[in-house]
């Protein structure tokens, strides 16, 4: 295989960042960033896409497990109003309350 065509997780992250400039591709790029072992990039893309997200199913996909462990994921969940919803209707299978207002997601 030619060196220029060789896939590495490192060079994939740069290409994903450039492609993320197109807003219609952001949800797909979240998946690719997570697949390429770039949870911080996936979180960054997810934070940009979240305000327009009509369906939160993407948040709970197995591939985003490492993203859910990052501190910034909590802000997305709070901003989407999920904490208020869960306090009324019950917590999700992926997140549960801790002491006070704190919570954790798996």
PDB file of N, CA and C in Angstrom:
ATOM      1  N   UNK A   1       0.851  -1.173   0.000  1.00  0.00           N
ATOM      2  CA  UNK A   1       0.000   0.000   0.000  1.00  0.00           C
ATOM      3  C   UNK A   1       0.899   1.238   0.000  1.00  0.00           C
ATOM      4  N   UNK A   2       0.532   2.207  -0.776  1.00  0.00           N
ATOM      5  CA  UNK A   2       1.296   3.444  -0.835  1.00  0.00           C
ATOM      6  C   UNK A   2       1.170   4.208   0.481  1.00  0.00           C
ATOM      7  N   UNK A   3       2.256   4.839   0.872  1.00  0.00           N
ATOM      8  CA  UNK A   3       2.270   5.563   2.147  1.00  0.00           C
ATOM      9  C   UNK A   3       1.201   6.657   2.188  1.00  0.00           C
ATOM     10  N   UNK A   4       0.941   7.330   1.065  1.00  0.00           N
ATOM     11  CA  UNK A   4      -0.050   8.399   1.030  1.00  0.00           C
ATOM     12  C   UNK A   4      -1.473   7.908   1.185  1.00  0.00           C
ATOM     13  N   UNK A   5      -1.713   6.641   0.913  1.00  0.00           N
ATOM     14  CA  UNK A   5      -3.056   6.081   1.010  1.00  0.00           C
ATOM     15  C   UNK A   5      -3.281   5.341   2.314  1.00  0.00           C
ATOM     16  N   UNK A   6      -2.261   5.249   3.106  1.00  0.00           N
ATOM     17  CA  UNK A   6      -2.345   4.500   4.347  1.00  0.00           C
ATOM     18  C   UNK A   6      -3.264   5.208   5.342  1.00  0.00           C
ATOM     19  N   UNK A   7      -4.188   4.468   5.902  1.00  0.00           N
ATOM     20  CA  UNK A   7      -5.136   5.008   6.881  1.00  0.00           C
ATOM     21  C   UNK A   7      -4.513   4.949   8.266  1.00  0.00           C
ATOM     22  N   UNK A   8      -4.527   6.036   8.958  1.00  0.00           N
ATOM     23  CA  UNK A   8      -4.150   6.055  10.373  1.00  0.00           C
ATOM     24  C   UNK A   8      -5.185   6.875  11.113  1.00  0.00           C
ATOM     25  N   UNK A   9      -5.367   6.544  12.364  1.00  0.00           N
ATOM     26  CA  UNK A   9      -6.315   7.305  13.169  1.00  0.00           C
ATOM     27  C   UNK A   9      -5.881   8.753  13.294  1.00  0.00           C
ATOM     28  N   UNK A  10      -4.566   8.993  13.318  1.00  0.00           N
ATOM     29  CA  UNK A  10      -4.059  10.351  13.452  1.00  0.00           C
ATOM     30  C   UNK A  10      -4.424  11.204  12.247  1.00  0.00           C
ATOM     31  N   UNK A  11      -4.163  10.727  11.032  1.00  0.00           N
ATOM     32  CA  UNK A  11      -4.473  11.561   9.865  1.00  0.00           C
ATOM     33  C   UNK A  11      -5.974  11.626   9.624  1.00  0.00           C
ATOM     34  N   UNK A  12      -6.719  10.647  10.092  1.00  0.00           N
ATOM     35  CA  UNK A  12      -8.174  10.686   9.941  1.00  0.00           C
ATOM     36  C   UNK A  12      -8.776  11.835  10.743  1.00  0.00           C
ATOM     37  N   UNK A  13      -8.215  12.113  11.916  1.00  0.00           N
ATOM     38  CA  UNK A  13      -8.759  13.190  12.750  1.00  0.00           C
ATOM     39  C   UNK A  13      -8.680  14.533  12.039  1.00  0.00           C
ATOM     40  N   UNK A  14      -7.571  14.817  11.387  1.00  0.00           N
ATOM     41  CA  UNK A  14      -7.443  16.076  10.651  1.00  0.00           C
ATOM     42  C   UNK A  14      -8.426  16.170   9.505  1.00  0.00           C
ATOM     43  N   UNK A  15      -8.605  15.074   8.793  1.00  0.00           N
ATOM     44  CA  UNK A  15      -9.556  15.061   7.679  1.00  0.00           C
ATOM     45  C   UNK A  15     -10.985  15.229   8.180  1.00  0.00           C
ATOM     46  N   UNK A  16     -11.285  14.626   9.301  1.00  0.00           N
ATOM     47  CA  UNK A  16     -12.629  14.773   9.875  1.00  0.00           C
ATOM     48  C   UNK A  16     -12.897  16.216  10.298  1.00  0.00           C
ATOM     49  N   UNK A  17     -11.892  16.877  10.871  1.00  0.00           N
ATOM     50  CA  UNK A  17     -12.063  18.279  11.274  1.00  0.00           C
ATOM     51  C   UNK A  17     -12.363  19.171  10.064  1.00  0.00           C
ATOM     52  N   UNK A  18     -11.672  18.924   8.965  1.00  0.00           N
ATOM     53  CA  UNK A  18     -11.916  19.722   7.758  1.00  0.00           C
ATOM     54  C   UNK A  18     -13.313  19.436   7.205  1.00  0.00           C
ATOM     55  N   UNK A  19     -13.715  18.198   7.214  1.00  0.00           N
ATOM     56  CA  UNK A  19     -15.029  17.838   6.685  1.00  0.00           C
ATOM     57  C   UNK A  19     -16.157  18.362   7.575  1.00  0.00           C
ATOM     58  N   UNK A  20     -15.884  18.573   8.848  1.00  0.00           N
ATOM     59  CA  UNK A  20     -16.918  19.028   9.783  1.00  0.00           C
ATOM     60  C   UNK A  20     -17.399  20.439   9.484  1.00  0.00           C
ATOM     61  N   UNK A  21     -16.692  21.155   8.648  1.00  0.00           N
ATOM     62  CA  UNK A  21     -17.120  22.506   8.288  1.00  0.00           C
ATOM     63  C   UNK A  21     -18.441  22.491   7.531  1.00  0.00           C
ATOM     64  N   UNK A  22     -18.781  21.368   6.926  1.00  0.00           N
ATOM     65  CA  UNK A  22     -20.061  21.233   6.221  1.00  0.00           C
ATOM     66  C   UNK A  22     -21.107  20.776   7.233  1.00  0.00           C
ATOM     67  N   UNK A  23     -22.056  21.650   7.602  1.00  0.00           N
ATOM     68  CA  UNK A  23     -22.999  21.322   8.676  1.00  0.00           C
ATOM     69  C   UNK A  23     -23.888  20.118   8.388  1.00  0.00           C
ATOM     70  N   UNK A  24     -24.149  19.835   7.135  1.00  0.00           N
ATOM     71  CA  UNK A  24     -25.022  18.706   6.826  1.00  0.00           C
ATOM     72  C   UNK A  24     -24.333  17.364   7.047  1.00  0.00           C
ATOM     73  N   UNK A  25     -23.064  17.363   7.296  1.00  0.00           N
ATOM     74  CA  UNK A  25     -22.329  16.123   7.514  1.00  0.00           C
ATOM     75  C   UNK A  25     -21.993  15.890   8.982  1.00  0.00           C
ATOM     76  N   UNK A  26     -22.320  16.800   9.854  1.00  0.00           N
ATOM     77  CA  UNK A  26     -21.818  16.737  11.221  1.00  0.00           C
ATOM     78  C   UNK A  26     -22.236  15.469  11.961  1.00  0.00           C
ATOM     79  N   UNK A  27     -23.480  15.010  11.822  1.00  0.00           N
ATOM     80  CA  UNK A  27     -23.893  13.812  12.543  1.00  0.00           C
ATOM     81  C   UNK A  27     -23.105  12.587  12.102  1.00  0.00           C
ATOM     82  N   UNK A  28     -22.885  12.440  10.829  1.00  0.00           N
ATOM     83  CA  UNK A  28     -22.102  11.316  10.338  1.00  0.00           C
ATOM     84  C   UNK A  28     -20.660  11.408  10.834  1.00  0.00           C
ATOM     85  N   UNK A  29     -20.131  12.612  10.903  1.00  0.00           N
ATOM     86  CA  UNK A  29     -18.758  12.798  11.341  1.00  0.00           C
ATOM     87  C   UNK A  29     -18.593  12.507  12.827  1.00  0.00           C
ATOM     88  N   UNK A  30     -19.628  12.670  13.611  1.00  0.00           N
ATOM     89  CA  UNK A  30     -19.578  12.291  15.022  1.00  0.00           C
ATOM     90  C   UNK A  30     -19.266  10.801  15.123  1.00  0.00           C
ATOM     91  N   UNK A  31     -19.973  10.006  14.329  1.00  0.00           N
ATOM     92  CA  UNK A  31     -19.739   8.558  14.305  1.00  0.00           C
ATOM     93  C   UNK A  31     -18.304   8.247  13.884  1.00  0.00           C
ATOM     94  N   UNK A  32     -17.855   8.894  12.810  1.00  0.00           N
ATOM     95  CA  UNK A  32     -16.515   8.622  12.306  1.00  0.00           C
ATOM     96  C   UNK A  32     -15.453   9.026  13.305  1.00  0.00           C
ATOM     97  N   UNK A  33     -15.636  10.140  13.974  1.00  0.00           N
ATOM     98  CA  UNK A  33     -14.664  10.571  14.979  1.00  0.00           C
ATOM     99  C   UNK A  33     -14.589   9.549  16.114  1.00  0.00           C
ATOM    100  N   UNK A  34     -15.732   9.073  16.555  1.00  0.00           N
ATOM    101  CA  UNK A  34     -15.746   8.051  17.607  1.00  0.00           C
ATOM    102  C   UNK A  34     -15.084   6.763  17.114  1.00  0.00           C
ATOM    103  N   UNK A  35     -15.376   6.365  15.897  1.00  0.00           N
ATOM    104  CA  UNK A  35     -14.782   5.158  15.319  1.00  0.00           C
ATOM    105  C   UNK A  35     -13.261   5.284  15.215  1.00  0.00           C
ATOM    106  N   UNK A  36     -12.780   6.464  14.909  1.00  0.00           N
ATOM    107  CA  UNK A  36     -11.340   6.704  14.763  1.00  0.00           C
ATOM    108  C   UNK A  36     -10.664   6.994  16.095  1.00  0.00           C
ATOM    109  N   UNK A  37     -11.356   6.662  17.170  1.00  0.00           N
ATOM    110  CA  UNK A  37     -10.810   6.822  18.517  1.00  0.00           C
ATOM    111  C   UNK A  37     -10.430   8.268  18.828  1.00  0.00           C
ATOM    112  N   UNK A  38     -11.324   9.151  18.461  1.00  0.00           N
ATOM    113  CA  UNK A  38     -11.163  10.584  18.721  1.00  0.00           C
ATOM    114  C   UNK A  38     -12.366  11.080  19.524  1.00  0.00           C
ATOM    115  N   UNK A  39     -12.532  10.616  20.783  1.00  0.00           N
ATOM    116  CA  UNK A  39     -13.732  11.000  21.536  1.00  0.00           C
ATOM    117  C   UNK A  39     -13.856  12.503  21.780  1.00  0.00           C
ATOM    118  N   UNK A  40     -12.729  13.200  21.934  1.00  0.00           N
ATOM    119  CA  UNK A  40     -12.801  14.648  22.145  1.00  0.00           C
ATOM    120  C   UNK A  40     -13.351  15.347  20.905  1.00  0.00           C
ATOM    121  N   UNK A  41     -12.916  14.908  19.724  1.00  0.00           N
ATOM    122  CA  UNK A  41     -13.442  15.475  18.479  1.00  0.00           C
ATOM    123  C   UNK A  41     -14.912  15.127  18.324  1.00  0.00           C
ATOM    124  N   UNK A  42     -15.281  13.892  18.629  1.00  0.00           N
ATOM    125  CA  UNK A  42     -16.692  13.491  18.555  1.00  0.00           C
ATOM    126  C   UNK A  42     -17.536  14.351  19.490  1.00  0.00           C
ATOM    127  N   UNK A  43     -17.023  14.627  20.686  1.00  0.00           N
ATOM    128  CA  UNK A  43     -17.744  15.479  21.631  1.00  0.00           C
ATOM    129  C   UNK A  43     -17.883  16.899  21.097  1.00  0.00           C
ATOM    130  N   UNK A  44     -16.819  17.416  20.515  1.00  0.00           N
ATOM    131  CA  UNK A  44     -16.858  18.764  19.929  1.00  0.00           C
ATOM    132  C   UNK A  44     -17.918  18.848  18.832  1.00  0.00           C
ATOM    133  N   UNK A  45     -17.953  17.858  17.965  1.00  0.00           N
ATOM    134  CA  UNK A  45     -18.942  17.834  16.883  1.00  0.00           C
ATOM    135  C   UNK A  45     -20.347  17.642  17.431  1.00  0.00           C
ATOM    136  N   UNK A  46     -20.467  16.808  18.450  1.00  0.00           N
ATOM    137  CA  UNK A  46     -21.763  16.562  19.068  1.00  0.00           C
ATOM    138  C   UNK A  46     -22.297  17.828  19.726  1.00  0.00           C
ATOM    139  N   UNK A  47     -21.430  18.586  20.379  1.00  0.00           N
ATOM    140  CA  UNK A  47     -21.853  19.832  21.017  1.00  0.00           C
ATOM    141  C   UNK A  47     -22.388  20.825  19.989  1.00  0.00           C
ATOM    142  N   UNK A  48     -21.796  20.848  18.802  1.00  0.00           N
ATOM    143  CA  UNK A  48     -22.280  21.741  17.740  1.00  0.00           C
ATOM    144  C   UNK A  48     -23.613  21.262  17.175  1.00  0.00           C
ATOM    145  N   UNK A  49     -23.788  19.960  17.079  1.00  0.00           N
ATOM    146  CA  UNK A  49     -25.004  19.400  16.471  1.00  0.00           C
ATOM    147  C   UNK A  49     -26.172  19.320  17.449  1.00  0.00           C
ATOM    148  N   UNK A  50     -25.888  19.240  18.737  1.00  0.00           N
ATOM    149  CA  UNK A  50     -26.921  18.983  19.743  1.00  0.00           C
ATOM    150  C   UNK A  50     -28.086  19.971  19.746  1.00  0.00           C
ATOM    151  N   UNK A  51     -27.846  21.279  19.623  1.00  0.00           N
ATOM    152  CA  UNK A  51     -28.994  22.197  19.675  1.00  0.00           C
ATOM    153  C   UNK A  51     -30.044  21.943  18.591  1.00  0.00           C
ATOM    154  N   UNK A  52     -29.640  21.385  17.471  1.00  0.00           N
ATOM    155  CA  UNK A  52     -30.581  21.119  16.378  1.00  0.00           C
ATOM    156  C   UNK A  52     -31.007  19.656  16.330  1.00  0.00           C
ATOM    157  N   UNK A  53     -30.593  18.894  17.308  1.00  0.00           N
ATOM    158  CA  UNK A  53     -30.874  17.465  17.318  1.00  0.00           C
ATOM    159  C   UNK A  53     -32.319  17.224  17.732  1.00  0.00           C
ATOM    160  N   UNK A  54     -33.101  16.666  16.856  1.00  0.00           N
ATOM    161  CA  UNK A  54     -34.483  16.368  17.177  1.00  0.00           C
ATOM    162  C   UNK A  54     -34.625  15.052  17.918  1.00  0.00           C
ATOM    163  N   UNK A  55     -33.710  14.138  17.676  1.00  0.00           N
ATOM    164  CA  UNK A  55     -33.749  12.810  18.270  1.00  0.00           C
ATOM    165  C   UNK A  55     -32.430  12.596  19.002  1.00  0.00           C
ATOM    166  N   UNK A  56     -32.505  12.196  20.248  1.00  0.00           N
ATOM    167  CA  UNK A  56     -31.285  12.030  21.039  1.00  0.00           C
ATOM    168  C   UNK A  56     -30.718  10.610  20.985  1.00  0.00           C
ATOM    169  N   UNK A  57     -31.245   9.764  20.123  1.00  0.00           N
ATOM    170  CA  UNK A  57     -30.778   8.374  20.050  1.00  0.00           C
ATOM    171  C   UNK A  57     -29.284   8.280  19.768  1.00  0.00           C
ATOM    172  N   UNK A  58     -28.745   9.227  19.016  1.00  0.00           N
ATOM    173  CA  UNK A  58     -27.318   9.214  18.699  1.00  0.00           C
ATOM    174  C   UNK A  58     -26.468   9.227  19.969  1.00  0.00           C
ATOM    175  N   UNK A  59     -26.918   9.912  20.998  1.00  0.00           N
ATOM    176  CA  UNK A  59     -26.149  10.032  22.234  1.00  0.00           C
ATOM    177  C   UNK A  59     -25.863   8.689  22.895  1.00  0.00           C
ATOM    178  N   UNK A  60     -26.740   7.723  22.676  1.00  0.00           N
ATOM    179  CA  UNK A  60     -26.685   6.469  23.431  1.00  0.00           C
ATOM    180  C   UNK A  60     -26.136   5.297  22.622  1.00  0.00           C
ATOM    181  N   UNK A  61     -25.646   5.576  21.439  1.00  0.00           N
ATOM    182  CA  UNK A  61     -25.082   4.508  20.613  1.00  0.00           C
ATOM    183  C   UNK A  61     -23.804   3.958  21.258  1.00  0.00           C
ATOM    184  N   UNK A  62     -23.577   2.643  21.156  1.00  0.00           N
ATOM    185  CA  UNK A  62     -22.393   2.036  21.776  1.00  0.00           C
ATOM    186  C   UNK A  62     -21.073   2.690  21.349  1.00  0.00           C
ATOM    187  N   UNK A  63     -20.994   3.133  20.127  1.00  0.00           N
ATOM    188  CA  UNK A  63     -19.751   3.715  19.647  1.00  0.00           C
ATOM    189  C   UNK A  63     -19.397   5.015  20.392  1.00  0.00           C
ATOM    190  N   UNK A  64     -20.378   5.656  20.988  1.00  0.00           N
ATOM    191  CA  UNK A  64     -20.132   6.910  21.703  1.00  0.00           C
ATOM    192  C   UNK A  64     -19.885   6.701  23.209  1.00  0.00           C
ATOM    193  N   UNK A  65     -19.632   5.474  23.605  1.00  0.00           N
ATOM    194  CA  UNK A  65     -19.397   5.158  25.014  1.00  0.00           C
ATOM    195  C   UNK A  65     -18.285   6.034  25.610  1.00  0.00           C
ATOM    196  N   UNK A  66     -17.161   6.162  24.916  1.00  0.00           N
ATOM    197  CA  UNK A  66     -16.052   6.975  25.441  1.00  0.00           C
ATOM    198  C   UNK A  66     -16.398   8.461  25.462  1.00  0.00           C
ATOM    199  N   UNK A  67     -17.253   8.892  24.575  1.00  0.00           N
ATOM    200  CA  UNK A  67     -17.695  10.292  24.551  1.00  0.00           C
ATOM    201  C   UNK A  67     -18.532  10.583  25.791  1.00  0.00           C
ATOM    202  N   UNK A  68     -19.391   9.647  26.167  1.00  0.00           N
ATOM    203  CA  UNK A  68     -20.250   9.850  27.345  1.00  0.00           C
ATOM    204  C   UNK A  68     -19.450   9.970  28.637  1.00  0.00           C
ATOM    205  N   UNK A  69     -18.225   9.484  28.637  1.00  0.00           N
ATOM    206  CA  UNK A  69     -17.378   9.543  29.833  1.00  0.00           C
ATOM    207  C   UNK A  69     -16.672  10.896  29.984  1.00  0.00           C
ATOM    208  N   UNK A  70     -16.672  11.706  28.951  1.00  0.00           N
ATOM    209  CA  UNK A  70     -16.000  13.005  28.995  1.00  0.00           C
ATOM    210  C   UNK A  70     -16.850  14.024  29.760  1.00  0.00           C
ATOM    211  N   UNK A  71     -16.209  14.908  30.526  1.00  0.00           N
ATOM    212  CA  UNK A  71     -16.975  15.902  31.306  1.00  0.00           C
ATOM    213  C   UNK A  71     -17.893  16.770  30.450  1.00  0.00           C
ATOM    214  N   UNK A  72     -17.499  17.113  29.242  1.00  0.00           N
ATOM    215  CA  UNK A  72     -18.319  17.966  28.389  1.00  0.00           C
ATOM    216  C   UNK A  72     -19.635  17.340  27.972  1.00  0.00           C
ATOM    217  N   UNK A  73     -19.734  16.025  28.053  1.00  0.00           N
ATOM    218  CA  UNK A  73     -20.987  15.352  27.696  1.00  0.00           C
ATOM    219  C   UNK A  73     -22.112  15.768  28.643  1.00  0.00           C
ATOM    220  N   UNK A  74     -21.772  15.985  29.902  1.00  0.00           N
ATOM    221  CA  UNK A  74     -22.790  16.395  30.878  1.00  0.00           C
ATOM    222  C   UNK A  74     -23.458  17.702  30.457  1.00  0.00           C
ATOM    223  N   UNK A  75     -22.674  18.636  29.959  1.00  0.00           N
ATOM    224  CA  UNK A  75     -23.235  19.927  29.529  1.00  0.00           C
ATOM    225  C   UNK A  75     -24.241  19.725  28.403  1.00  0.00           C
ATOM    226  N   UNK A  76     -23.932  18.843  27.468  1.00  0.00           N
ATOM    227  CA  UNK A  76     -24.860  18.569  26.362  1.00  0.00           C
ATOM    228  C   UNK A  76     -26.167  18.022  26.913  1.00  0.00           C
ATOM    229  N   UNK A  77     -26.081  17.077  27.822  1.00  0.00           N
ATOM    230  CA  UNK A  77     -27.277  16.462  28.409  1.00  0.00           C
ATOM    231  C   UNK A  77     -28.105  17.507  29.157  1.00  0.00           C
ATOM    232  N   UNK A  78     -27.428  18.361  29.905  1.00  0.00           N
ATOM    233  CA  UNK A  78     -28.133  19.424  30.647  1.00  0.00           C
ATOM    234  C   UNK A  78     -28.790  20.400  29.674  1.00  0.00           C
ATOM    235  N   UNK A  79     -28.024  20.853  28.667  1.00  0.00           N
ATOM    236  CA  UNK A  79     -28.548  21.828  27.709  1.00  0.00           C
ATOM    237  C   UNK A  79     -29.731  21.291  26.917  1.00  0.00           C
ATOM    238  N   UNK A  80     -29.763  19.989  26.686  1.00  0.00           N
ATOM    239  CA  UNK A  80     -30.895  19.393  25.973  1.00  0.00           C
ATOM    240  C   UNK A  80     -32.128  19.233  26.859  1.00  0.00           C
ATOM    241  N   UNK A  81     -31.971  19.503  28.156  1.00  0.00           N
ATOM    242  CA  UNK A  81     -33.105  19.400  29.079  1.00  0.00           C
ATOM    243  C   UNK A  81     -33.391  17.984  29.540  1.00  0.00           C
ATOM    244  N   UNK A  82     -32.463  17.075  29.310  1.00  0.00           N
ATOM    245  CA  UNK A  82     -32.712  15.678  29.670  1.00  0.00           C
ATOM    246  C   UNK A  82     -32.740  15.453  31.175  1.00  0.00           C
ATOM    247  N   UNK A  83     -31.947  16.195  31.917  1.00  0.00           N
ATOM    248  CA  UNK A  83     -31.927  16.017  33.374  1.00  0.00           C
ATOM    249  C   UNK A  83     -33.295  16.367  33.962  1.00  0.00           C
ATOM    250  N   UNK A  84     -33.848  17.483  33.544  1.00  0.00           N
ATOM    251  CA  UNK A  84     -35.184  17.866  34.023  1.00  0.00           C
ATOM    252  C   UNK A  84     -36.217  16.808  33.651  1.00  0.00           C
ATOM    253  N   UNK A  85     -36.122  16.300  32.437  1.00  0.00           N
ATOM    254  CA  UNK A  85     -37.055  15.255  31.988  1.00  0.00           C
ATOM    255  C   UNK A  85     -36.912  14.004  32.851  1.00  0.00           C
ATOM    256  N   UNK A  86     -35.667  13.563  33.076  1.00  0.00           N
ATOM    257  CA  UNK A  86     -35.436  12.342  33.849  1.00  0.00           C
ATOM    258  C   UNK A  86     -35.873  12.486  35.295  1.00  0.00           C
ATOM    259  N   UNK A  87     -35.758  13.676  35.843  1.00  0.00           N
ATOM    260  CA  UNK A  87     -36.198  13.866  37.230  1.00  0.00           C
ATOM    261  C   UNK A  87     -37.705  13.681  37.369  1.00  0.00           C
ATOM    262  N   UNK A  88     -38.437  13.971  36.312  1.00  0.00           N
ATOM    263  CA  UNK A  88     -39.897  13.809  36.331  1.00  0.00           C
ATOM    264  C   UNK A  88     -40.298  12.389  35.940  1.00  0.00           C
ATOM    265  N   UNK A  89     -39.689  11.844  34.879  1.00  0.00           N
ATOM    266  CA  UNK A  89     -40.153  10.589  34.292  1.00  0.00           C
ATOM    267  C   UNK A  89     -39.244   9.388  34.551  1.00  0.00           C
ATOM    268  N   UNK A  90     -38.143   9.584  35.228  1.00  0.00           N
ATOM    269  CA  UNK A  90     -37.224   8.481  35.517  1.00  0.00           C
ATOM    270  C   UNK A  90     -35.957   8.580  34.679  1.00  0.00           C
ATOM    271  N   UNK A  91     -34.881   8.139  35.267  1.00  0.00           N
ATOM    272  CA  UNK A  91     -33.569   8.236  34.630  1.00  0.00           C
ATOM    273  C   UNK A  91     -33.413   7.205  33.526  1.00  0.00           C
ATOM    274  N   UNK A  92     -32.560   7.521  32.590  1.00  0.00           N
ATOM    275  CA  UNK A  92     -32.309   6.634  31.454  1.00  0.00           C
ATOM    276  C   UNK A  92     -31.470   5.441  31.899  1.00  0.00           C
ATOM    277  N   UNK A  93     -31.333   4.478  31.016  1.00  0.00           N
ATOM    278  CA  UNK A  93     -30.490   3.320  31.295  1.00  0.00           C
ATOM    279  C   UNK A  93     -29.010   3.682  31.273  1.00  0.00           C
ATOM    280  N   UNK A  94     -28.662   4.832  30.709  1.00  0.00           N
ATOM    281  CA  UNK A  94     -27.265   5.214  30.520  1.00  0.00           C
ATOM    282  C   UNK A  94     -26.764   6.229  31.537  1.00  0.00           C
ATOM    283  N   UNK A  95     -27.653   6.934  32.194  1.00  0.00           N
ATOM    284  CA  UNK A  95     -27.256   7.954  33.160  1.00  0.00           C
ATOM    285  C   UNK A  95     -28.018   7.745  34.459  1.00  0.00           C
ATOM    286  N   UNK A  96     -27.377   8.087  35.557  1.00  0.00           N
ATOM    287  CA  UNK A  96     -28.053   7.997  36.845  1.00  0.00           C
ATOM    288  C   UNK A  96     -27.543   9.104  37.768  1.00  0.00           C
ATOM    289  N   UNK A  97     -28.398   9.488  38.723  1.00  0.00           N
ATOM    290  CA  UNK A  97     -28.030  10.604  39.599  1.00  0.00           C
ATOM    291  C   UNK A  97     -26.965  10.182  40.611  1.00  0.00           C
ATOM    292  N   UNK A  98     -26.191  11.166  41.023  1.00  0.00           N
ATOM    293  CA  UNK A  98     -25.251  11.009  42.126  1.00  0.00           C
ATOM    294  C   UNK A  98     -25.736  11.913  43.249  1.00  0.00           C
ATOM    295  N   UNK A  99     -24.876  12.405  44.072  1.00  0.00           N
ATOM    296  CA  UNK A  99     -25.282  13.303  45.152  1.00  0.00           C
ATOM    297  C   UNK A  99     -25.602  14.692  44.618  1.00  0.00           C
ATOM    298  N   UNK A 100     -26.564  15.327  45.239  1.00  0.00           N
ATOM    299  CA  UNK A 100     -26.941  16.691  44.867  1.00  0.00           C
ATOM    300  C   UNK A 100     -27.440  16.744  43.431  1.00  0.00           C
ATOM    301  N   UNK A 101     -26.907  17.671  42.659  1.00  0.00           N
ATOM    302  CA  UNK A 101     -27.323  17.833  41.255  1.00  0.00           C
ATOM    303  C   UNK A 101     -26.418  17.078  40.295  1.00  0.00           C
ATOM    304  N   UNK A 102     -25.450  16.348  40.810  1.00  0.00           N
ATOM    305  CA  UNK A 102     -24.491  15.656  39.944  1.00  0.00           C
ATOM    306  C   UNK A 102     -25.088  14.361  39.395  1.00  0.00           C
ATOM    307  N   UNK A 103     -24.552  13.922  38.292  1.00  0.00           N
ATOM    308  CA  UNK A 103     -24.981  12.673  37.660  1.00  0.00           C
ATOM    309  C   UNK A 103     -23.813  12.111  36.873  1.00  0.00           C
ATOM    310  N   UNK A 104     -23.952  10.889  36.438  1.00  0.00           N
ATOM    311  CA  UNK A 104     -22.927  10.250  35.613  1.00  0.00           C
ATOM    312  C   UNK A 104     -23.612   9.482  34.489  1.00  0.00           C
ATOM    313  N   UNK A 105     -22.900   9.379  33.361  1.00  0.00           N
ATOM    314  CA  UNK A 105     -23.400   8.621  32.230  1.00  0.00           C
ATOM    315  C   UNK A 105     -22.367   7.573  31.834  1.00  0.00           C
ATOM    316  N   UNK A 106     -22.856   6.430  31.429  1.00  0.00           N
ATOM    317  CA  UNK A 106     -21.980   5.323  31.023  1.00  0.00           C
ATOM    318  C   UNK A 106     -21.917   5.213  29.516  1.00  0.00           C
TER     319      UNK A 106
END
